Each structure stands twice: as structure tokens, then as C-alpha cells.
Amino acid sequence: MGEMGMRRIQSFISNKHFFTFMMSAFLLVSLILSFFIFQNFTSMDSQKNQLDKLSNDIEKYDLNLTNESILFILTGDQSHYSKYLETNTELEKTITTAKDTFPSLENKLTELQELNDALLIFEKEAMDNQNSQILSSNEYNLVKNDFKKNTIELQNLINQLNKNNQQNFVRTLVLLLVFGGLFLIL
């Protein structure tokens, strides 16, 4: 590269074309970084919402199952029995879907599913015999308390998973900003 080539490079660097080129590169890198940050945030927020909904749904379905079984025993109204069965189906679907979506929660969800199955035995027996005393038995209350304890443990796992997701988002954000900054410097 001769003296003529060097003059062209120096001329390019010292004129407005270089400034325009650098601003375009900065804008492009900024847009790309913004896109990746937005995608990461959206994904993290969506997963957090799914996890929060999971915990709330399990608690809601458990409460509805208990209420519908008691209402059926007290009134004998078949609509409560139908609602009981529908709610149980929804709870089972929720747990099965959650196991597929969040494999890290599978063990706790399996425990909850097993405890729910045990509660169903008590509740169906109470409804079949129209005997609310079964729902007051020590055995039923032990299983119910275990279910509640496991629901709380699931919520703690969900909180930890959300915290880990937020930390991963921050790490990703820092890496994107560092690499974007390095690109602009070079």
C-alpha cells in the first residue's frame, strides 16, 4: 500500500463518511442489543407468570375440591359432585402440563399429585357415604397438611427458579452490553 492508499484512508477517517459509518455501526449494534435484551426479558417474564399461575392454580383447585366435596355432602346436589370431578381433572392437567414445562419441578409436582390422589380417596368416600366425619379424621388432616406443606415447598422452589431466571437475565444483559461495547471500541 503506497502513499496514495494511506492518503485515502486518512481522508476517509478524517471526513464525515467515517463519522457516519461509526454512527451507523453504533446504531446497528444498539438495535441488535436491544432486540436480544427485549427477547430475554420477555422470555423471563413469561416464565415467571407461568410459574406464579401454576402455584396459584394448584392452591385454588385444592380449595375448590375440598369445598365442592363438603357442599355435596351437605346438600346432595349433583352439580357439586360434577364440579368436583371437573376441578380434579383441571388440577391433574395443570400438574401434568407443569411437569412437561418445568422439569426441575417434576419431583415436587409428583409428590403433590400423589397426595392429591390420597385426598381424593378420602373425599370420594365421604361423598359416596354422605359422611362429613371422614373429612375431619386425623388421617385426612395429615394428608391435607402434607399437601399444604408441599404446596408451600413448591412455591419456594418457584421463587428460587424465578430468582435464578432474573440472575441469568442480568448476566446475559451484562454480557451483551460488554460485547456490544467491545465491538464499538474495536
C-alpha atoms as a PDB file:
ATOM      1  CA  MET A   1       0.000   0.000   0.000  1.00  0.00           C
ATOM      2  CA  GLY A   2       1.611   3.186  -1.145  1.00  0.00           C
ATOM      3  CA  GLU A   3       1.434   6.744  -0.081  1.00  0.00           C
ATOM      4  CA  MET A   4      -1.671   7.235  -2.185  1.00  0.00           C
ATOM      5  CA  GLY A   5      -3.509   4.450  -0.314  1.00  0.00           C
ATOM      6  CA  MET A   6      -2.583   5.945   3.045  1.00  0.00           C
ATOM      7  CA  ARG A   7      -3.917   9.338   1.998  1.00  0.00           C
ATOM      8  CA  ARG A   8      -7.222   7.790   1.023  1.00  0.00           C
ATOM      9  CA  ILE A   9      -7.521   6.035   4.386  1.00  0.00           C
ATOM     10  CA  GLN A  10      -6.575   9.199   6.278  1.00  0.00           C
ATOM     11  CA  SER A  11      -9.008  11.194   4.191  1.00  0.00           C
ATOM     12  CA  PHE A  12     -11.794   8.696   4.880  1.00  0.00           C
ATOM     13  CA  ILE A  13     -11.104   8.676   8.627  1.00  0.00           C
ATOM     14  CA  SER A  14     -10.976  12.450   8.870  1.00  0.00           C
ATOM     15  CA  ASN A  15     -14.116  13.192   6.929  1.00  0.00           C
ATOM     16  CA  LYS A  16     -17.819  12.868   7.582  1.00  0.00           C
ATOM     17  CA  HIS A  17     -18.061   9.434   5.939  1.00  0.00           C
ATOM     18  CA  PHE A  18     -16.141   7.836   8.779  1.00  0.00           C
ATOM     19  CA  PHE A  19     -18.332   9.557  11.355  1.00  0.00           C
ATOM     20  CA  THR A  20     -21.462   8.399   9.511  1.00  0.00           C
ATOM     21  CA  PHE A  21     -20.083   4.858   9.279  1.00  0.00           C
ATOM     22  CA  MET A  22     -19.300   4.741  13.018  1.00  0.00           C
ATOM     23  CA  MET A  23     -22.699   6.132  13.957  1.00  0.00           C
ATOM     24  CA  SER A  24     -24.386   3.580  11.707  1.00  0.00           C
ATOM     25  CA  ALA A  25     -22.366   0.774  13.314  1.00  0.00           C
ATOM     26  CA  PHE A  26     -23.245   2.089  16.776  1.00  0.00           C
ATOM     27  CA  LEU A  27     -26.926   2.274  15.861  1.00  0.00           C
ATOM     28  CA  LEU A  28     -26.912  -1.241  14.399  1.00  0.00           C
ATOM     29  CA  VAL A  29     -25.198  -2.722  17.463  1.00  0.00           C
ATOM     30  CA  SER A  30     -27.602  -0.839  19.739  1.00  0.00           C
ATOM     31  CA  LEU A  31     -30.610  -2.186  17.851  1.00  0.00           C
ATOM     32  CA  ILE A  32     -29.285  -5.743  17.967  1.00  0.00           C
ATOM     33  CA  LEU A  33     -28.550  -5.473  21.688  1.00  0.00           C
ATOM     34  CA  SER A  34     -31.996  -4.008  22.348  1.00  0.00           C
ATOM     35  CA  PHE A  35     -33.620  -6.855  20.447  1.00  0.00           C
ATOM     36  CA  PHE A  36     -31.753  -9.539  22.410  1.00  0.00           C
ATOM     37  CA  ILE A  37     -32.425  -7.801  25.725  1.00  0.00           C
ATOM     38  CA  PHE A  38     -36.127  -7.499  24.901  1.00  0.00           C
ATOM     39  CA  GLN A  39     -36.326 -11.167  23.850  1.00  0.00           C
ATOM     40  CA  ASN A  40     -34.604 -12.298  27.058  1.00  0.00           C
ATOM     41  CA  PHE A  41     -36.802 -10.119  29.244  1.00  0.00           C
ATOM     42  CA  THR A  42     -39.986 -11.282  27.509  1.00  0.00           C
ATOM     43  CA  SER A  43     -38.994 -14.927  27.914  1.00  0.00           C
ATOM     44  CA  MET A  44     -38.108 -14.472  31.584  1.00  0.00           C
ATOM     45  CA  ASP A  45     -41.313 -12.550  32.309  1.00  0.00           C
ATOM     46  CA  SER A  46     -43.445 -15.152  30.540  1.00  0.00           C
ATOM     47  CA  GLN A  47     -41.877 -17.992  32.523  1.00  0.00           C
ATOM     48  CA  LYS A  48     -42.319 -16.078  35.787  1.00  0.00           C
ATOM     49  CA  ASN A  49     -46.012 -15.565  35.007  1.00  0.00           C
ATOM     50  CA  GLN A  50     -46.438 -19.259  34.183  1.00  0.00           C
ATOM     51  CA  LEU A  51     -44.769 -20.288  37.434  1.00  0.00           C
ATOM     52  CA  ASP A  52     -46.841 -17.893  39.528  1.00  0.00           C
ATOM     53  CA  LYS A  53     -50.030 -19.070  37.826  1.00  0.00           C
ATOM     54  CA  LEU A  54     -49.068 -22.698  38.470  1.00  0.00           C
ATOM     55  CA  SER A  55     -48.764 -22.169  42.206  1.00  0.00           C
ATOM     56  CA  ASN A  56     -51.984 -20.166  42.391  1.00  0.00           C
ATOM     57  CA  ASP A  57     -53.898 -22.712  40.309  1.00  0.00           C
ATOM     58  CA  ILE A  58     -52.858 -25.639  42.485  1.00  0.00           C
ATOM     59  CA  GLU A  59     -53.963 -23.835  45.639  1.00  0.00           C
ATOM     60  CA  LYS A  60     -57.234 -22.746  44.010  1.00  0.00           C
ATOM     61  CA  TYR A  61     -58.039 -26.254  42.739  1.00  0.00           C
ATOM     62  CA  ASP A  62     -57.277 -27.798  46.126  1.00  0.00           C
ATOM     63  CA  LEU A  63     -59.592 -25.326  47.853  1.00  0.00           C
ATOM     64  CA  ASN A  64     -62.326 -25.915  45.259  1.00  0.00           C
ATOM     65  CA  LEU A  65     -62.047 -29.699  45.603  1.00  0.00           C
ATOM     66  CA  THR A  66     -62.496 -29.500  49.355  1.00  0.00           C
ATOM     67  CA  ASN A  67     -65.371 -27.014  49.106  1.00  0.00           C
ATOM     68  CA  GLU A  68     -67.233 -28.975  46.432  1.00  0.00           C
ATOM     69  CA  SER A  69     -66.918 -32.230  48.376  1.00  0.00           C
ATOM     70  CA  ILE A  70     -68.267 -30.575  51.540  1.00  0.00           C
ATOM     71  CA  LEU A  71     -71.096 -28.887  49.630  1.00  0.00           C
ATOM     72  CA  PHE A  72     -72.042 -32.179  48.017  1.00  0.00           C
ATOM     73  CA  ILE A  73     -72.098 -33.937  51.382  1.00  0.00           C
ATOM     74  CA  LEU A  74     -74.232 -31.180  52.928  1.00  0.00           C
ATOM     75  CA  THR A  75     -76.680 -30.703  50.055  1.00  0.00           C
ATOM     76  CA  GLY A  76     -76.545 -33.889  47.993  1.00  0.00           C
ATOM     77  CA  ASP A  77     -76.661 -31.632  44.906  1.00  0.00           C
ATOM     78  CA  GLN A  78     -75.101 -33.482  41.959  1.00  0.00           C
ATOM     79  CA  SER A  79     -73.816 -30.228  40.450  1.00  0.00           C
ATOM     80  CA  HIS A  80     -71.269 -30.053  43.283  1.00  0.00           C
ATOM     81  CA  TYR A  81     -70.133 -33.591  42.514  1.00  0.00           C
ATOM     82  CA  SER A  82     -69.777 -32.671  38.829  1.00  0.00           C
ATOM     83  CA  LYS A  83     -67.795 -29.528  39.723  1.00  0.00           C
ATOM     84  CA  TYR A  84     -65.633 -31.657  41.997  1.00  0.00           C
ATOM     85  CA  LEU A  85     -64.776 -34.025  39.127  1.00  0.00           C
ATOM     86  CA  GLU A  86     -64.158 -31.129  36.707  1.00  0.00           C
ATOM     87  CA  THR A  87     -61.875 -29.398  39.188  1.00  0.00           C
ATOM     88  CA  ASN A  88     -59.933 -32.587  39.772  1.00  0.00           C
ATOM     89  CA  THR A  89     -59.446 -33.001  36.019  1.00  0.00           C
ATOM     90  CA  GLU A  90     -58.181 -29.412  35.787  1.00  0.00           C
ATOM     91  CA  LEU A  91     -55.765 -29.988  38.671  1.00  0.00           C
ATOM     92  CA  GLU A  92     -54.401 -33.140  37.049  1.00  0.00           C
ATOM     93  CA  LYS A  93     -53.970 -31.327  33.706  1.00  0.00           C
ATOM     94  CA  THR A  94     -52.217 -28.442  35.432  1.00  0.00           C
ATOM     95  CA  ILE A  95     -49.768 -30.734  37.206  1.00  0.00           C
ATOM     96  CA  THR A  96     -49.083 -32.816  34.080  1.00  0.00           C
ATOM     97  CA  THR A  97     -48.509 -29.726  31.944  1.00  0.00           C
ATOM     98  CA  ALA A  98     -46.260 -28.202  34.604  1.00  0.00           C
ATOM     99  CA  LYS A  99     -44.146 -31.366  34.734  1.00  0.00           C
ATOM    100  CA  ASP A 100     -43.565 -31.086  30.985  1.00  0.00           C
ATOM    101  CA  THR A 101     -42.940 -27.350  31.050  1.00  0.00           C
ATOM    102  CA  PHE A 102     -40.763 -27.207  34.173  1.00  0.00           C
ATOM    103  CA  PRO A 103     -38.794 -30.460  34.535  1.00  0.00           C
ATOM    104  CA  SER A 104     -36.906 -29.060  37.529  1.00  0.00           C
ATOM    105  CA  LEU A 105     -40.181 -29.106  39.497  1.00  0.00           C
ATOM    106  CA  GLU A 106     -41.175 -32.641  38.494  1.00  0.00           C
ATOM    107  CA  ASN A 107     -40.345 -34.331  41.812  1.00  0.00           C
ATOM    108  CA  LYS A 108     -42.334 -31.832  43.885  1.00  0.00           C
ATOM    109  CA  LEU A 109     -45.237 -31.938  41.428  1.00  0.00           C
ATOM    110  CA  THR A 110     -45.249 -35.750  41.561  1.00  0.00           C
ATOM    111  CA  GLU A 111     -45.429 -35.595  45.360  1.00  0.00           C
ATOM    112  CA  LEU A 112     -48.354 -33.182  45.125  1.00  0.00           C
ATOM    113  CA  GLN A 113     -50.081 -35.430  42.620  1.00  0.00           C
ATOM    114  CA  GLU A 114     -49.696 -38.452  44.906  1.00  0.00           C
ATOM    115  CA  LEU A 115     -51.010 -36.502  47.888  1.00  0.00           C
ATOM    116  CA  ASN A 116     -53.940 -35.264  45.832  1.00  0.00           C
ATOM    117  CA  ASP A 117     -54.729 -38.862  44.863  1.00  0.00           C
ATOM    118  CA  ALA A 118     -54.768 -39.769  48.558  1.00  0.00           C
ATOM    119  CA  LEU A 119     -57.058 -36.826  49.325  1.00  0.00           C
ATOM    120  CA  LEU A 120     -59.389 -37.916  46.523  1.00  0.00           C
ATOM    121  CA  ILE A 121     -59.828 -41.302  48.152  1.00  0.00           C
ATOM    122  CA  PHE A 122     -60.961 -39.667  51.400  1.00  0.00           C
ATOM    123  CA  GLU A 123     -63.171 -37.104  49.697  1.00  0.00           C
ATOM    124  CA  LYS A 124     -64.850 -39.597  47.359  1.00  0.00           C
ATOM    125  CA  GLU A 125     -65.506 -41.949  50.274  1.00  0.00           C
ATOM    126  CA  ALA A 126     -67.021 -39.057  52.236  1.00  0.00           C
ATOM    127  CA  MET A 127     -69.205 -38.085  49.275  1.00  0.00           C
ATOM    128  CA  ASP A 128     -70.246 -41.679  48.499  1.00  0.00           C
ATOM    129  CA  ASN A 129     -71.272 -42.260  52.127  1.00  0.00           C
ATOM    130  CA  GLN A 130     -72.558 -38.724  52.722  1.00  0.00           C
ATOM    131  CA  ASN A 131     -70.294 -38.681  55.773  1.00  0.00           C
ATOM    132  CA  SER A 132     -68.508 -35.433  56.561  1.00  0.00           C
ATOM    133  CA  GLN A 133     -66.759 -37.055  59.555  1.00  0.00           C
ATOM    134  CA  ILE A 134     -64.279 -38.636  57.127  1.00  0.00           C
ATOM    135  CA  LEU A 135     -63.062 -35.148  56.240  1.00  0.00           C
ATOM    136  CA  SER A 136     -62.469 -34.471  59.925  1.00  0.00           C
ATOM    137  CA  SER A 137     -60.440 -37.621  60.535  1.00  0.00           C
ATOM    138  CA  ASN A 138     -56.815 -37.466  61.623  1.00  0.00           C
ATOM    139  CA  GLU A 139     -55.710 -39.428  58.571  1.00  0.00           C
ATOM    140  CA  TYR A 140     -57.390 -36.974  56.191  1.00  0.00           C
ATOM    141  CA  ASN A 141     -55.962 -33.977  58.051  1.00  0.00           C
ATOM    142  CA  LEU A 142     -52.448 -35.453  57.971  1.00  0.00           C
ATOM    143  CA  VAL A 143     -52.620 -35.885  54.205  1.00  0.00           C
ATOM    144  CA  LYS A 144     -54.198 -32.433  53.792  1.00  0.00           C
ATOM    145  CA  ASN A 145     -51.418 -30.862  55.886  1.00  0.00           C
ATOM    146  CA  ASP A 146     -48.778 -32.683  53.835  1.00  0.00           C
ATOM    147  CA  PHE A 147     -50.419 -31.366  50.679  1.00  0.00           C
ATOM    148  CA  LYS A 148     -50.335 -27.807  52.049  1.00  0.00           C
ATOM    149  CA  LYS A 149     -46.720 -28.231  53.171  1.00  0.00           C
ATOM    150  CA  ASN A 150     -45.743 -29.467  49.709  1.00  0.00           C
ATOM    151  CA  THR A 151     -47.616 -26.581  48.110  1.00  0.00           C
ATOM    152  CA  ILE A 152     -45.533 -24.169  50.195  1.00  0.00           C
ATOM    153  CA  GLU A 153     -42.360 -26.036  49.228  1.00  0.00           C
ATOM    154  CA  LEU A 154     -43.407 -25.795  45.575  1.00  0.00           C
ATOM    155  CA  GLN A 155     -43.879 -22.052  45.988  1.00  0.00           C
ATOM    156  CA  ASN A 156     -40.374 -21.807  47.482  1.00  0.00           C
ATOM    157  CA  LEU A 157     -38.957 -23.746  44.519  1.00  0.00           C
ATOM    158  CA  ILE A 158     -40.826 -21.456  42.144  1.00  0.00           C
ATOM    159  CA  ASN A 159     -39.454 -18.387  43.919  1.00  0.00           C
ATOM    160  CA  GLN A 160     -35.932 -19.807  43.648  1.00  0.00           C
ATOM    161  CA  LEU A 161     -36.441 -20.599  39.966  1.00  0.00           C
ATOM    162  CA  ASN A 162     -37.708 -17.043  39.357  1.00  0.00           C
ATOM    163  CA  LYS A 163     -34.695 -15.653  41.217  1.00  0.00           C
ATOM    164  CA  ASN A 164     -32.331 -17.791  39.131  1.00  0.00           C
ATOM    165  CA  ASN A 165     -34.053 -16.617  35.942  1.00  0.00           C
ATOM    166  CA  GLN A 166     -33.618 -12.984  36.976  1.00  0.00           C
ATOM    167  CA  GLN A 167     -29.938 -13.558  37.752  1.00  0.00           C
ATOM    168  CA  ASN A 168     -29.455 -15.233  34.372  1.00  0.00           C
ATOM    169  CA  PHE A 169     -31.156 -12.287  32.694  1.00  0.00           C
ATOM    170  CA  VAL A 170     -28.832  -9.821  34.416  1.00  0.00           C
ATOM    171  CA  ARG A 171     -25.783 -11.911  33.439  1.00  0.00           C
ATOM    172  CA  THR A 172     -26.960 -12.045  29.843  1.00  0.00           C
ATOM    173  CA  LEU A 173     -27.614  -8.314  29.853  1.00  0.00           C
ATOM    174  CA  VAL A 174     -24.128  -7.562  31.175  1.00  0.00           C
ATOM    175  CA  LEU A 175     -22.520  -9.896  28.608  1.00  0.00           C
ATOM    176  CA  LEU A 176     -24.455  -8.331  25.752  1.00  0.00           C
ATOM    177  CA  LEU A 177     -23.508  -4.828  26.865  1.00  0.00           C
ATOM    178  CA  VAL A 178     -19.835  -5.756  27.335  1.00  0.00           C
ATOM    179  CA  PHE A 179     -19.567  -7.456  23.948  1.00  0.00           C
ATOM    180  CA  GLY A 180     -21.511  -4.637  22.289  1.00  0.00           C
ATOM    181  CA  GLY A 181     -19.173  -2.108  23.885  1.00  0.00           C
ATOM    182  CA  LEU A 182     -16.112  -4.064  22.815  1.00  0.00           C
ATOM    183  CA  PHE A 183     -17.439  -4.208  19.271  1.00  0.00           C
ATOM    184  CA  LEU A 184     -17.812  -0.440  19.190  1.00  0.00           C
ATOM    185  CA  ILE A 185     -14.339   0.129  20.613  1.00  0.00           C
ATOM    186  CA  LEU A 186     -12.747  -2.156  18.075  1.00  0.00           C
END
